[in-house]
N, C-alpha and C. Protein backbone atom coordinates (compact mmCIF):
# COMPACT_ATOMS: atom_id res chain seq x y z
N MET A 1 -15.03 -8.98 -46.63
CA MET A 1 -15.47 -8.46 -45.44
C MET A 1 -14.37 -7.80 -44.79
N ALA A 2 -14.42 -6.61 -44.16
CA ALA A 2 -13.25 -5.85 -43.64
C ALA A 2 -13.02 -6.52 -42.30
N GLU A 3 -11.65 -6.60 -42.00
CA GLU A 3 -11.30 -7.10 -40.72
C GLU A 3 -11.58 -6.13 -39.58
N PRO A 4 -12.02 -6.64 -38.41
CA PRO A 4 -12.41 -5.92 -37.24
C PRO A 4 -11.10 -5.04 -36.83
N ALA A 5 -11.27 -3.80 -36.48
CA ALA A 5 -10.11 -2.93 -35.99
C ALA A 5 -9.59 -3.59 -34.72
N PRO A 6 -8.29 -3.45 -34.49
CA PRO A 6 -7.71 -3.93 -33.28
C PRO A 6 -8.21 -3.15 -32.17
N ALA A 7 -8.39 -3.84 -30.89
CA ALA A 7 -8.88 -3.34 -29.70
C ALA A 7 -7.90 -2.12 -29.33
N ASP A 8 -8.57 -0.94 -28.97
CA ASP A 8 -7.73 0.18 -28.52
C ASP A 8 -7.37 0.02 -27.09
N ARG A 9 -6.14 -0.05 -26.79
CA ARG A 9 -5.71 -0.31 -25.34
C ARG A 9 -5.13 0.94 -24.68
N THR A 10 -5.52 2.01 -25.56
CA THR A 10 -4.82 3.42 -24.90
C THR A 10 -5.59 3.78 -23.68
N GLY A 11 -7.02 3.57 -23.54
CA GLY A 11 -7.68 3.88 -22.49
C GLY A 11 -7.21 3.28 -21.25
N PRO A 12 -7.11 1.89 -21.23
CA PRO A 12 -6.60 1.22 -19.99
C PRO A 12 -5.12 1.55 -19.68
N ARG A 13 -4.38 1.84 -20.69
CA ARG A 13 -2.92 2.22 -20.35
C ARG A 13 -2.89 3.59 -19.69
N ARG A 14 -3.87 4.37 -20.02
CA ARG A 14 -3.86 5.73 -19.41
C ARG A 14 -4.25 5.66 -17.84
N THR A 15 -4.89 4.47 -17.43
CA THR A 15 -5.15 4.35 -15.99
C THR A 15 -3.92 4.01 -15.30
N PHE A 16 -2.83 3.54 -15.76
CA PHE A 16 -1.84 3.13 -15.08
C PHE A 16 -1.20 4.10 -14.08
N GLY A 17 -0.87 5.24 -14.47
CA GLY A 17 -0.25 6.29 -13.61
C GLY A 17 -1.28 6.65 -12.50
N PRO A 18 -2.48 7.06 -12.69
CA PRO A 18 -3.37 7.51 -11.70
C PRO A 18 -3.78 6.34 -10.69
N VAL A 19 -3.90 5.23 -11.13
CA VAL A 19 -4.35 4.05 -10.25
C VAL A 19 -3.18 3.66 -9.37
N VAL A 20 -1.88 3.71 -9.95
CA VAL A 20 -0.74 3.36 -9.15
C VAL A 20 -0.50 4.46 -8.01
N LEU A 21 -0.64 5.68 -8.46
CA LEU A 21 -0.38 6.80 -7.53
C LEU A 21 -1.41 6.86 -6.39
N LEU A 22 -2.68 6.56 -6.77
CA LEU A 22 -3.82 6.50 -5.84
C LEU A 22 -3.68 5.28 -4.86
N GLY A 23 -3.18 4.20 -5.47
CA GLY A 23 -2.98 2.91 -4.77
C GLY A 23 -1.86 3.12 -3.78
N LEU A 24 -0.75 3.84 -4.03
CA LEU A 24 0.26 4.21 -3.20
C LEU A 24 -0.11 4.88 -2.09
N ALA A 25 -0.82 6.00 -2.28
CA ALA A 25 -1.30 6.92 -1.39
C ALA A 25 -2.23 6.26 -0.40
N ALA A 26 -3.19 5.50 -0.90
CA ALA A 26 -4.01 4.73 0.00
C ALA A 26 -3.30 3.77 0.82
N ALA A 27 -2.41 3.03 0.40
CA ALA A 27 -1.72 2.10 1.26
C ALA A 27 -0.91 2.74 2.31
N GLY A 28 -0.20 3.99 1.86
CA GLY A 28 0.49 4.82 2.78
C GLY A 28 -0.31 5.26 3.76
N LEU A 29 -1.58 5.79 3.54
CA LEU A 29 -2.42 6.37 4.54
C LEU A 29 -2.88 5.17 5.57
N ALA A 30 -3.21 4.20 4.96
CA ALA A 30 -3.63 3.14 5.95
C ALA A 30 -2.54 2.64 6.86
N ALA A 31 -1.24 2.59 6.30
CA ALA A 31 -0.16 2.21 7.02
C ALA A 31 0.13 3.25 8.17
N ILE A 32 0.08 4.47 7.84
CA ILE A 32 0.40 5.61 8.84
C ILE A 32 -0.87 5.49 9.93
N ALA A 33 -1.96 5.38 9.45
CA ALA A 33 -3.15 5.38 10.37
C ALA A 33 -3.20 4.14 11.29
N GLY A 34 -2.67 2.95 10.61
CA GLY A 34 -2.55 1.78 11.45
C GLY A 34 -1.59 1.89 12.57
N GLY A 35 -0.74 2.62 12.63
CA GLY A 35 0.18 2.70 13.73
C GLY A 35 -0.15 3.79 14.79
N LYS A 36 -1.28 4.49 14.66
CA LYS A 36 -1.88 5.35 15.48
C LYS A 36 -3.13 4.88 16.22
N PRO A 37 -3.40 5.56 17.38
CA PRO A 37 -4.72 5.12 18.19
C PRO A 37 -5.98 5.32 17.36
N TRP A 38 -6.67 4.34 17.27
CA TRP A 38 -7.97 4.37 16.63
C TRP A 38 -9.03 4.76 17.58
N VAL A 39 -8.83 4.47 18.93
CA VAL A 39 -9.94 4.65 19.96
C VAL A 39 -9.26 5.56 21.04
N ALA A 40 -10.01 6.46 21.70
CA ALA A 40 -9.55 7.20 22.87
C ALA A 40 -10.60 7.08 23.86
N GLY A 41 -10.26 7.28 25.08
CA GLY A 41 -11.34 7.14 26.15
C GLY A 41 -10.75 7.56 27.49
N SER A 42 -11.54 7.64 28.44
CA SER A 42 -11.08 8.00 29.83
C SER A 42 -11.98 7.07 30.82
N SER A 43 -11.39 6.94 31.94
CA SER A 43 -11.95 6.25 33.22
C SER A 43 -11.60 6.79 34.37
N GLY A 44 -12.44 7.49 35.16
CA GLY A 44 -11.98 8.12 36.30
C GLY A 44 -11.15 9.21 36.02
N SER A 45 -9.85 9.26 36.65
CA SER A 45 -8.92 10.31 36.44
C SER A 45 -8.03 9.88 35.19
N VAL A 46 -8.19 8.66 34.67
CA VAL A 46 -7.20 8.25 33.65
C VAL A 46 -7.86 8.42 32.22
N ASP A 47 -6.92 9.17 31.40
CA ASP A 47 -7.35 9.52 29.94
C ASP A 47 -6.36 9.06 29.11
N SER A 48 -6.75 8.26 28.15
CA SER A 48 -5.75 7.58 27.17
C SER A 48 -4.99 8.67 26.27
N ARG A 49 -5.64 9.89 26.34
CA ARG A 49 -4.93 10.91 25.45
C ARG A 49 -3.94 11.71 26.24
N SER A 50 -3.89 11.51 27.56
CA SER A 50 -2.92 12.05 28.47
C SER A 50 -1.51 11.54 28.26
N GLU A 51 -0.56 12.27 28.19
CA GLU A 51 0.86 11.77 28.15
C GLU A 51 1.31 11.15 29.35
N SER A 52 0.86 11.66 30.50
CA SER A 52 1.31 11.04 31.80
C SER A 52 0.68 9.71 31.98
N THR A 53 -0.49 9.51 31.43
CA THR A 53 -1.25 8.11 31.60
C THR A 53 -0.46 7.19 30.69
N LEU A 54 -0.08 7.63 29.49
CA LEU A 54 0.52 6.68 28.54
C LEU A 54 1.92 6.36 28.97
N ALA A 55 2.59 7.23 29.70
CA ALA A 55 3.84 6.95 30.16
C ALA A 55 3.86 5.94 31.18
N VAL A 56 2.89 5.77 31.99
CA VAL A 56 2.65 4.93 33.09
C VAL A 56 2.15 3.51 32.55
N ALA A 57 1.31 3.53 31.59
CA ALA A 57 0.62 2.33 31.11
C ALA A 57 0.47 2.28 29.65
N SER A 58 1.65 2.61 28.88
CA SER A 58 1.58 2.62 27.52
C SER A 58 1.27 1.28 26.92
N GLY A 59 1.75 0.14 27.53
CA GLY A 59 1.61 -1.17 27.04
C GLY A 59 0.17 -1.60 27.04
N SER A 60 -0.57 -1.41 28.10
CA SER A 60 -1.91 -1.80 28.25
C SER A 60 -2.94 -0.90 27.51
N ILE A 61 -2.69 0.37 27.72
CA ILE A 61 -3.71 1.33 27.02
C ILE A 61 -3.36 1.56 25.55
N GLY A 62 -2.11 1.91 25.31
CA GLY A 62 -1.81 2.11 23.79
C GLY A 62 -2.10 0.91 22.88
N GLY A 63 -1.67 -0.27 23.43
CA GLY A 63 -1.82 -1.54 22.63
C GLY A 63 -3.36 -1.82 22.55
N ALA A 64 -4.16 -1.27 23.38
CA ALA A 64 -5.65 -1.70 23.27
C ALA A 64 -6.38 -0.71 22.29
N SER A 65 -5.68 0.38 21.90
CA SER A 65 -6.35 1.25 21.04
C SER A 65 -5.89 1.27 19.57
N GLU A 66 -4.91 0.28 19.36
CA GLU A 66 -4.38 0.38 17.91
C GLU A 66 -4.72 -0.91 17.33
N SER A 67 -4.33 -1.01 15.98
CA SER A 67 -4.62 -2.33 15.23
C SER A 67 -3.32 -2.59 14.48
N PRO A 68 -2.28 -3.36 15.05
CA PRO A 68 -1.07 -3.70 14.32
C PRO A 68 -1.13 -4.68 13.21
N LEU A 69 -2.38 -5.33 13.04
CA LEU A 69 -2.62 -6.15 11.92
C LEU A 69 -2.88 -5.28 10.67
N ALA A 70 -3.66 -4.28 11.02
CA ALA A 70 -3.94 -3.40 9.78
C ALA A 70 -2.63 -2.70 9.27
N LEU A 71 -1.82 -2.44 10.13
CA LEU A 71 -0.53 -1.73 9.88
C LEU A 71 0.32 -2.76 9.01
N ALA A 72 0.41 -3.93 9.48
CA ALA A 72 1.20 -4.99 8.70
C ALA A 72 0.52 -5.19 7.34
N LEU A 73 -0.61 -5.37 7.23
CA LEU A 73 -1.19 -5.64 5.98
C LEU A 73 -1.11 -4.45 5.11
N ALA A 74 -1.19 -3.17 5.66
CA ALA A 74 -1.04 -1.98 4.65
C ALA A 74 0.41 -1.97 4.11
N LEU A 75 1.30 -2.43 4.91
CA LEU A 75 2.72 -2.37 4.37
C LEU A 75 2.80 -3.50 3.24
N VAL A 76 2.08 -4.54 3.45
CA VAL A 76 2.05 -5.62 2.32
C VAL A 76 1.50 -4.97 1.09
N VAL A 77 0.38 -4.17 1.22
CA VAL A 77 -0.12 -3.58 0.01
C VAL A 77 0.85 -2.63 -0.68
N LEU A 78 1.40 -1.91 0.19
CA LEU A 78 2.42 -0.92 -0.25
C LEU A 78 3.65 -1.67 -1.06
N ALA A 79 4.11 -2.75 -0.51
CA ALA A 79 5.04 -3.50 -1.01
C ALA A 79 4.67 -4.16 -2.42
N CYS A 80 3.47 -4.50 -2.53
CA CYS A 80 2.97 -5.12 -3.76
C CYS A 80 2.89 -4.07 -4.87
N TRP A 81 2.51 -2.87 -4.50
CA TRP A 81 2.43 -1.84 -5.61
C TRP A 81 3.96 -1.52 -6.13
N GLY A 82 4.86 -1.56 -5.22
CA GLY A 82 6.16 -1.46 -5.69
C GLY A 82 6.72 -2.60 -6.56
N VAL A 83 6.27 -3.81 -6.43
CA VAL A 83 6.66 -4.92 -7.18
C VAL A 83 5.85 -4.86 -8.52
N VAL A 84 4.63 -4.32 -8.52
CA VAL A 84 3.89 -4.30 -9.72
C VAL A 84 4.66 -3.22 -10.68
N LEU A 85 5.27 -2.23 -10.24
CA LEU A 85 5.95 -1.21 -11.05
C LEU A 85 7.08 -1.92 -11.78
N VAL A 86 7.76 -2.86 -11.17
CA VAL A 86 9.15 -3.43 -11.72
C VAL A 86 9.00 -4.67 -12.25
N THR A 87 7.77 -5.42 -12.35
CA THR A 87 7.63 -6.70 -12.91
C THR A 87 6.87 -6.74 -14.21
N ARG A 88 6.83 -7.95 -14.67
CA ARG A 88 6.07 -7.94 -16.01
C ARG A 88 5.30 -9.40 -15.89
N GLY A 89 4.41 -9.45 -17.02
CA GLY A 89 3.71 -10.67 -17.17
C GLY A 89 2.88 -11.32 -16.12
N ARG A 90 2.82 -12.60 -16.05
CA ARG A 90 1.84 -13.47 -15.03
C ARG A 90 2.10 -13.07 -13.64
N PHE A 91 3.53 -12.93 -13.36
CA PHE A 91 3.98 -12.69 -12.07
C PHE A 91 3.33 -11.41 -11.42
N ARG A 92 3.29 -10.42 -12.37
CA ARG A 92 2.68 -9.14 -12.05
C ARG A 92 1.25 -9.24 -11.62
N ARG A 93 0.50 -10.08 -12.42
CA ARG A 93 -0.73 -10.41 -12.11
C ARG A 93 -0.89 -10.99 -10.73
N VAL A 94 -0.12 -11.97 -10.45
CA VAL A 94 -0.20 -12.73 -9.07
C VAL A 94 0.08 -11.66 -7.98
N VAL A 95 1.02 -10.68 -8.19
CA VAL A 95 1.32 -9.74 -7.02
C VAL A 95 0.15 -8.73 -6.91
N SER A 96 -0.53 -8.49 -7.99
CA SER A 96 -1.66 -7.57 -7.84
C SER A 96 -2.79 -8.34 -7.03
N VAL A 97 -2.99 -9.55 -7.35
CA VAL A 97 -3.92 -10.28 -6.53
C VAL A 97 -3.69 -10.44 -5.00
N LEU A 98 -2.32 -10.68 -4.79
CA LEU A 98 -1.82 -10.54 -3.41
C LEU A 98 -2.10 -9.34 -2.77
N GLY A 99 -1.84 -8.11 -3.52
CA GLY A 99 -2.17 -6.81 -2.95
C GLY A 99 -3.69 -6.64 -2.67
N LEU A 100 -4.64 -7.24 -3.52
CA LEU A 100 -6.06 -7.12 -3.10
C LEU A 100 -6.40 -7.89 -1.95
N VAL A 101 -5.73 -9.04 -1.76
CA VAL A 101 -6.01 -9.89 -0.68
C VAL A 101 -5.64 -9.16 0.69
N ALA A 102 -4.51 -8.57 0.48
CA ALA A 102 -3.93 -7.88 1.77
C ALA A 102 -4.80 -6.57 1.95
N ALA A 103 -5.27 -5.89 0.94
CA ALA A 103 -6.24 -4.69 1.06
C ALA A 103 -7.62 -5.13 1.74
N LEU A 104 -8.05 -6.25 1.29
CA LEU A 104 -9.34 -6.84 1.97
C LEU A 104 -9.08 -7.14 3.46
N GLY A 105 -7.81 -7.66 3.83
CA GLY A 105 -7.47 -7.74 5.12
C GLY A 105 -7.40 -6.51 6.02
N VAL A 106 -6.95 -5.35 5.36
CA VAL A 106 -6.97 -4.21 5.98
C VAL A 106 -8.47 -3.63 6.25
N ALA A 107 -9.21 -3.79 5.26
CA ALA A 107 -10.60 -3.47 5.49
C ALA A 107 -11.37 -4.30 6.50
N ALA A 108 -10.99 -5.63 6.62
CA ALA A 108 -11.67 -6.46 7.65
C ALA A 108 -11.14 -5.90 8.95
N ALA A 109 -9.84 -5.66 9.16
CA ALA A 109 -9.53 -5.16 10.40
C ALA A 109 -10.12 -3.90 10.80
N VAL A 110 -10.45 -2.97 9.85
CA VAL A 110 -11.03 -1.86 10.18
C VAL A 110 -12.57 -2.01 10.63
N VAL A 111 -13.20 -2.96 9.98
CA VAL A 111 -14.58 -3.37 10.39
C VAL A 111 -14.55 -4.10 11.82
N GLU A 112 -13.57 -5.01 11.98
CA GLU A 112 -13.53 -5.71 13.33
C GLU A 112 -13.12 -4.75 14.42
N ALA A 113 -12.42 -3.78 14.16
CA ALA A 113 -12.24 -2.74 15.31
C ALA A 113 -13.41 -2.11 15.76
N ILE A 114 -14.51 -2.01 15.10
CA ILE A 114 -15.71 -1.24 15.45
C ILE A 114 -16.20 -2.07 16.84
N SER A 115 -16.12 -3.33 17.01
CA SER A 115 -16.59 -4.00 18.03
C SER A 115 -15.65 -4.39 19.18
N SER A 116 -14.37 -4.53 18.72
CA SER A 116 -13.28 -5.02 19.64
C SER A 116 -12.46 -3.91 20.24
N LEU A 117 -12.13 -2.87 19.64
CA LEU A 117 -11.19 -1.95 20.26
C LEU A 117 -11.86 -1.15 21.33
N PRO A 118 -13.05 -0.61 21.25
CA PRO A 118 -13.66 0.14 22.29
C PRO A 118 -13.66 -0.84 23.62
N THR A 119 -14.17 -2.04 23.47
CA THR A 119 -14.01 -3.02 24.71
C THR A 119 -12.64 -3.18 25.26
N LYS A 120 -11.69 -3.39 24.26
CA LYS A 120 -10.44 -3.57 24.94
C LYS A 120 -9.82 -2.38 25.59
N LEU A 121 -10.11 -1.19 25.01
CA LEU A 121 -9.62 0.03 25.62
C LEU A 121 -10.24 0.25 26.99
N SER A 122 -11.61 0.05 26.95
CA SER A 122 -12.44 0.27 28.28
C SER A 122 -11.75 -0.73 29.38
N ASP A 123 -11.58 -1.87 29.08
CA ASP A 123 -11.05 -2.82 30.08
C ASP A 123 -9.67 -2.27 30.57
N ALA A 124 -8.73 -1.78 29.68
CA ALA A 124 -7.52 -1.33 30.07
C ALA A 124 -7.65 -0.10 30.83
N LEU A 125 -8.47 0.72 30.52
CA LEU A 125 -8.72 2.02 31.29
C LEU A 125 -9.18 1.75 32.67
N MET A 126 -10.22 0.82 32.82
CA MET A 126 -10.72 0.47 34.08
C MET A 126 -9.68 -0.20 34.97
N GLU A 127 -8.76 -1.00 34.39
CA GLU A 127 -7.82 -1.68 35.12
C GLU A 127 -6.75 -0.78 35.73
N VAL A 128 -6.38 0.21 34.89
CA VAL A 128 -5.35 1.12 35.38
C VAL A 128 -6.05 2.18 36.41
N SER A 129 -7.27 2.60 36.08
CA SER A 129 -7.87 3.65 37.08
C SER A 129 -8.50 2.90 38.31
N GLY A 130 -8.92 1.77 38.28
CA GLY A 130 -9.54 1.15 39.32
C GLY A 130 -11.05 1.41 39.37
N SER A 131 -11.53 2.16 38.43
CA SER A 131 -12.93 2.49 38.27
C SER A 131 -13.75 1.36 37.56
N ASP A 132 -14.98 1.35 37.73
CA ASP A 132 -15.84 0.46 37.09
C ASP A 132 -16.56 0.99 35.84
N THR A 133 -16.27 2.16 35.35
CA THR A 133 -17.04 2.61 34.14
C THR A 133 -15.79 3.34 33.32
N ALA A 134 -16.05 3.47 32.12
CA ALA A 134 -15.06 3.97 31.11
C ALA A 134 -16.00 4.47 29.94
N SER A 135 -15.54 5.42 29.31
CA SER A 135 -16.11 6.08 28.00
C SER A 135 -15.03 6.09 26.88
N THR A 136 -15.42 5.65 25.70
CA THR A 136 -14.42 5.55 24.54
C THR A 136 -15.20 6.23 23.32
N SER A 137 -14.29 6.66 22.32
CA SER A 137 -14.81 7.07 21.17
C SER A 137 -13.78 7.00 20.08
N PHE A 138 -14.13 6.81 18.73
CA PHE A 138 -13.17 6.70 17.70
C PHE A 138 -12.49 7.94 17.38
N THR A 139 -11.21 7.89 16.99
CA THR A 139 -10.40 8.90 16.70
C THR A 139 -10.39 9.24 15.05
N ALA A 140 -9.85 10.36 14.65
CA ALA A 140 -9.72 10.68 13.36
C ALA A 140 -8.78 9.74 12.54
N TRP A 141 -7.96 9.12 13.33
CA TRP A 141 -7.00 8.06 12.74
C TRP A 141 -7.76 6.87 12.25
N TYR A 142 -8.83 6.60 13.06
CA TYR A 142 -9.66 5.46 12.55
C TYR A 142 -10.35 5.84 11.21
N ALA A 143 -10.90 6.93 11.09
CA ALA A 143 -11.54 7.36 9.82
C ALA A 143 -10.52 7.41 8.70
N ALA A 144 -9.22 7.85 8.99
CA ALA A 144 -8.22 7.82 7.98
C ALA A 144 -7.99 6.38 7.52
N ALA A 145 -7.89 5.56 8.50
CA ALA A 145 -7.61 4.14 8.03
C ALA A 145 -8.81 3.56 7.30
N ALA A 146 -10.00 3.84 7.68
CA ALA A 146 -11.08 3.44 6.89
C ALA A 146 -11.17 3.95 5.42
N VAL A 147 -10.70 5.21 5.26
CA VAL A 147 -10.69 5.69 3.89
C VAL A 147 -9.45 5.07 3.03
N GLY A 148 -8.45 4.98 3.73
CA GLY A 148 -7.21 4.11 3.11
C GLY A 148 -7.51 2.80 2.73
N ALA A 149 -8.37 2.12 3.62
CA ALA A 149 -8.60 0.70 3.44
C ALA A 149 -9.61 0.59 2.10
N VAL A 150 -10.59 1.57 1.95
CA VAL A 150 -11.49 1.40 0.96
C VAL A 150 -10.89 1.76 -0.38
N LEU A 151 -9.96 2.74 -0.37
CA LEU A 151 -9.28 3.14 -1.54
C LEU A 151 -8.24 1.98 -1.95
N ALA A 152 -7.72 1.31 -0.97
CA ALA A 152 -6.74 0.33 -1.36
C ALA A 152 -7.46 -0.82 -1.82
N VAL A 153 -8.65 -1.26 -1.46
CA VAL A 153 -9.33 -2.29 -2.13
C VAL A 153 -9.78 -1.91 -3.53
N VAL A 154 -10.28 -0.73 -3.70
CA VAL A 154 -10.67 -0.39 -5.00
C VAL A 154 -9.50 -0.33 -6.08
N THR A 155 -8.38 0.38 -5.59
CA THR A 155 -7.31 0.35 -6.52
C THR A 155 -6.67 -1.02 -6.90
N THR A 156 -6.53 -1.80 -5.85
CA THR A 156 -5.85 -3.17 -6.09
C THR A 156 -6.92 -3.94 -6.91
N ALA A 157 -8.26 -3.89 -6.66
CA ALA A 157 -9.12 -4.62 -7.63
C ALA A 157 -9.02 -4.13 -9.14
N VAL A 158 -8.85 -2.74 -9.27
CA VAL A 158 -8.52 -2.37 -10.72
C VAL A 158 -7.39 -2.75 -11.20
N ALA A 159 -6.28 -2.86 -10.30
CA ALA A 159 -5.09 -3.44 -10.92
C ALA A 159 -5.22 -4.82 -11.28
N VAL A 160 -5.90 -5.61 -10.54
CA VAL A 160 -6.09 -7.04 -10.99
C VAL A 160 -6.83 -7.19 -12.41
N ARG A 161 -7.77 -6.21 -12.58
CA ARG A 161 -8.48 -6.26 -13.87
C ARG A 161 -7.72 -5.77 -15.03
N LEU A 162 -6.85 -4.71 -14.67
CA LEU A 162 -6.32 -3.93 -15.88
C LEU A 162 -4.71 -4.20 -16.06
N VAL A 163 -4.16 -4.98 -15.12
CA VAL A 163 -2.74 -4.96 -15.11
C VAL A 163 -2.11 -5.59 -16.44
N PRO A 164 -2.90 -6.52 -17.11
CA PRO A 164 -2.31 -7.10 -18.32
C PRO A 164 -2.27 -6.07 -19.40
N THR A 165 -3.02 -4.99 -19.30
CA THR A 165 -3.02 -3.83 -20.40
C THR A 165 -2.17 -2.78 -19.99
N TRP A 166 -1.47 -2.71 -18.76
CA TRP A 166 -0.64 -1.66 -18.45
C TRP A 166 0.76 -1.74 -19.03
N PRO A 167 1.31 -0.62 -19.18
CA PRO A 167 2.77 -0.61 -19.76
C PRO A 167 3.76 -1.32 -18.80
N GLU A 168 4.69 -2.07 -19.37
CA GLU A 168 5.61 -2.84 -18.52
C GLU A 168 7.02 -2.27 -18.76
N ILE A 169 7.87 -2.42 -17.75
CA ILE A 169 9.32 -1.99 -17.83
C ILE A 169 10.03 -2.85 -18.81
N GLY A 170 10.76 -2.12 -19.70
CA GLY A 170 11.36 -2.79 -20.84
C GLY A 170 12.51 -3.87 -20.48
N SER A 171 12.69 -4.87 -21.23
CA SER A 171 13.66 -5.91 -20.98
C SER A 171 15.08 -5.42 -20.94
N ARG A 172 15.29 -4.28 -21.49
CA ARG A 172 16.65 -3.68 -21.50
C ARG A 172 17.00 -3.27 -20.25
N TYR A 173 16.00 -3.14 -19.26
CA TYR A 173 16.32 -2.84 -17.73
C TYR A 173 16.62 -4.14 -16.96
N ASP A 174 16.62 -5.29 -17.55
CA ASP A 174 16.91 -6.45 -16.86
C ASP A 174 18.39 -6.56 -16.57
N ALA A 175 18.81 -7.38 -15.60
CA ALA A 175 20.16 -7.50 -15.38
C ALA A 175 20.99 -7.93 -16.54
N PRO A 176 22.11 -7.54 -16.78
CA PRO A 176 22.87 -7.78 -18.17
C PRO A 176 23.22 -9.20 -18.04
N THR A 177 23.32 -9.96 -19.13
CA THR A 177 23.81 -11.32 -19.20
C THR A 177 25.24 -11.37 -19.41
N GLY A 178 25.83 -12.59 -19.39
CA GLY A 178 27.32 -12.75 -19.72
C GLY A 178 27.61 -12.29 -21.09
N GLY A 179 26.65 -12.65 -22.08
CA GLY A 179 26.93 -12.30 -23.53
C GLY A 179 26.99 -10.83 -23.63
N ARG A 180 26.21 -10.12 -23.17
CA ARG A 180 26.05 -8.76 -23.28
C ARG A 180 27.23 -8.10 -22.84
N ALA A 181 27.71 -8.46 -21.56
CA ALA A 181 28.80 -7.89 -21.01
C ALA A 181 30.09 -8.21 -21.91
N ALA A 182 30.10 -9.35 -22.53
CA ALA A 182 31.22 -9.58 -23.29
C ALA A 182 31.23 -8.80 -24.58
N ASP A 183 30.09 -8.43 -25.03
CA ASP A 183 30.01 -7.59 -26.28
C ASP A 183 30.60 -6.21 -26.02
N GLY A 184 30.49 -5.64 -24.86
CA GLY A 184 31.06 -4.40 -24.51
C GLY A 184 32.48 -4.28 -24.05
N ALA A 185 33.10 -5.66 -23.77
CA ALA A 185 34.22 -5.62 -23.15
C ALA A 185 35.39 -5.43 -24.15
N GLY A 186 36.45 -4.98 -23.91
CA GLY A 186 37.59 -4.93 -24.69
C GLY A 186 37.84 -3.45 -25.40
N ASP A 187 36.76 -2.91 -25.74
CA ASP A 187 36.86 -1.55 -26.51
C ASP A 187 36.35 -0.36 -25.56
N GLY A 188 35.67 -0.72 -24.49
CA GLY A 188 35.29 0.27 -23.49
C GLY A 188 34.02 1.02 -24.08
N ALA A 189 33.38 0.52 -25.03
CA ALA A 189 32.16 1.19 -25.63
C ALA A 189 30.94 0.67 -24.84
N LEU A 190 30.02 1.64 -24.68
CA LEU A 190 28.78 1.28 -24.08
C LEU A 190 27.94 0.50 -25.12
N PRO A 191 27.17 -0.53 -24.51
CA PRO A 191 26.27 -1.29 -25.46
C PRO A 191 25.38 -0.43 -26.17
N SER A 192 24.96 -0.84 -27.32
CA SER A 192 24.13 0.06 -28.14
C SER A 192 22.76 0.29 -27.56
N GLU A 193 22.29 -0.62 -26.76
CA GLU A 193 20.95 -0.44 -26.10
C GLU A 193 20.94 0.72 -25.04
N ASN A 194 22.11 0.80 -24.29
CA ASN A 194 22.41 1.95 -23.45
C ASN A 194 22.43 3.32 -24.10
N ILE A 195 22.95 3.35 -25.40
CA ILE A 195 23.13 4.55 -26.18
C ILE A 195 21.74 4.92 -26.66
N ASP A 196 20.84 3.93 -27.01
CA ASP A 196 19.41 4.29 -27.42
C ASP A 196 18.62 4.79 -26.29
N ILE A 197 18.89 4.38 -25.06
CA ILE A 197 18.20 4.88 -23.86
C ILE A 197 18.45 6.31 -23.79
N TRP A 198 19.83 6.65 -23.73
CA TRP A 198 20.16 8.05 -23.58
C TRP A 198 19.74 8.97 -24.71
N LYS A 199 19.75 8.37 -25.82
CA LYS A 199 19.29 9.12 -27.02
C LYS A 199 17.74 9.44 -26.78
N ALA A 200 17.07 8.53 -26.40
CA ALA A 200 15.55 8.72 -26.45
C ALA A 200 15.29 9.69 -25.33
N LEU A 201 16.07 9.67 -24.16
CA LEU A 201 15.86 10.61 -23.07
C LEU A 201 16.09 11.99 -23.57
N ASP A 202 17.20 12.23 -24.28
CA ASP A 202 17.63 13.56 -24.80
C ASP A 202 16.58 14.11 -25.74
N GLU A 203 15.94 13.20 -26.47
CA GLU A 203 14.79 13.75 -27.41
C GLU A 203 13.47 13.85 -26.73
N GLY A 204 13.44 13.60 -25.48
CA GLY A 204 12.18 13.72 -24.64
C GLY A 204 11.28 12.67 -24.89
N ARG A 205 11.70 11.52 -25.39
CA ARG A 205 10.88 10.29 -25.51
C ARG A 205 11.02 9.42 -24.35
N ASP A 206 9.93 8.41 -24.20
CA ASP A 206 9.90 7.50 -23.09
C ASP A 206 10.63 6.29 -23.67
N PRO A 207 11.90 5.90 -23.06
CA PRO A 207 12.67 4.79 -23.64
C PRO A 207 11.91 3.36 -23.45
N THR A 208 10.87 3.37 -22.58
CA THR A 208 10.16 2.03 -22.28
C THR A 208 9.08 1.86 -23.26
N ALA A 209 8.60 2.94 -24.03
CA ALA A 209 7.54 2.80 -25.07
C ALA A 209 7.74 1.78 -26.00
């Protein structure tokens, strides 16, 4: 009986670049949007979009229209993608799970903002204006944060599933040990692994393959 052919891992490996790039873009979008006003509104003569109003009451109005938690968690997702790029093995899988948890946190912050931010901003506007009515609406930054959160969840979930099949940085890029340094000492010659790296680059090959 013929032995079964080994599983083809080329497909999952090809997802590495697109998923990482999309994940970085999603986390970056969520981080940028997280530091912007998600809700805008007005009460009497006070408008949260007015520079003069923000100059007088930036703390109460600006803080009521933003989500610092989403910003912090998006930065965690961004950091996790950076770690995934430079680590290997089980630790890489753990970091991808952490990224997924943080991405879910960003998504939860986006959902929670639907009910909390308009109320907070209305209260802040009425306190500044002295009026008893206020109107609010979500900004384009909220939509951007929502898109970034959804993409962050999708890409980190894909990373958790496929990270064992993704290419890893070669061990030759690890910090040199004492023995390796000793091999190159005395004659001023480069270690043979470094020579192989440069040779592969000159030939247009990926030295990590």
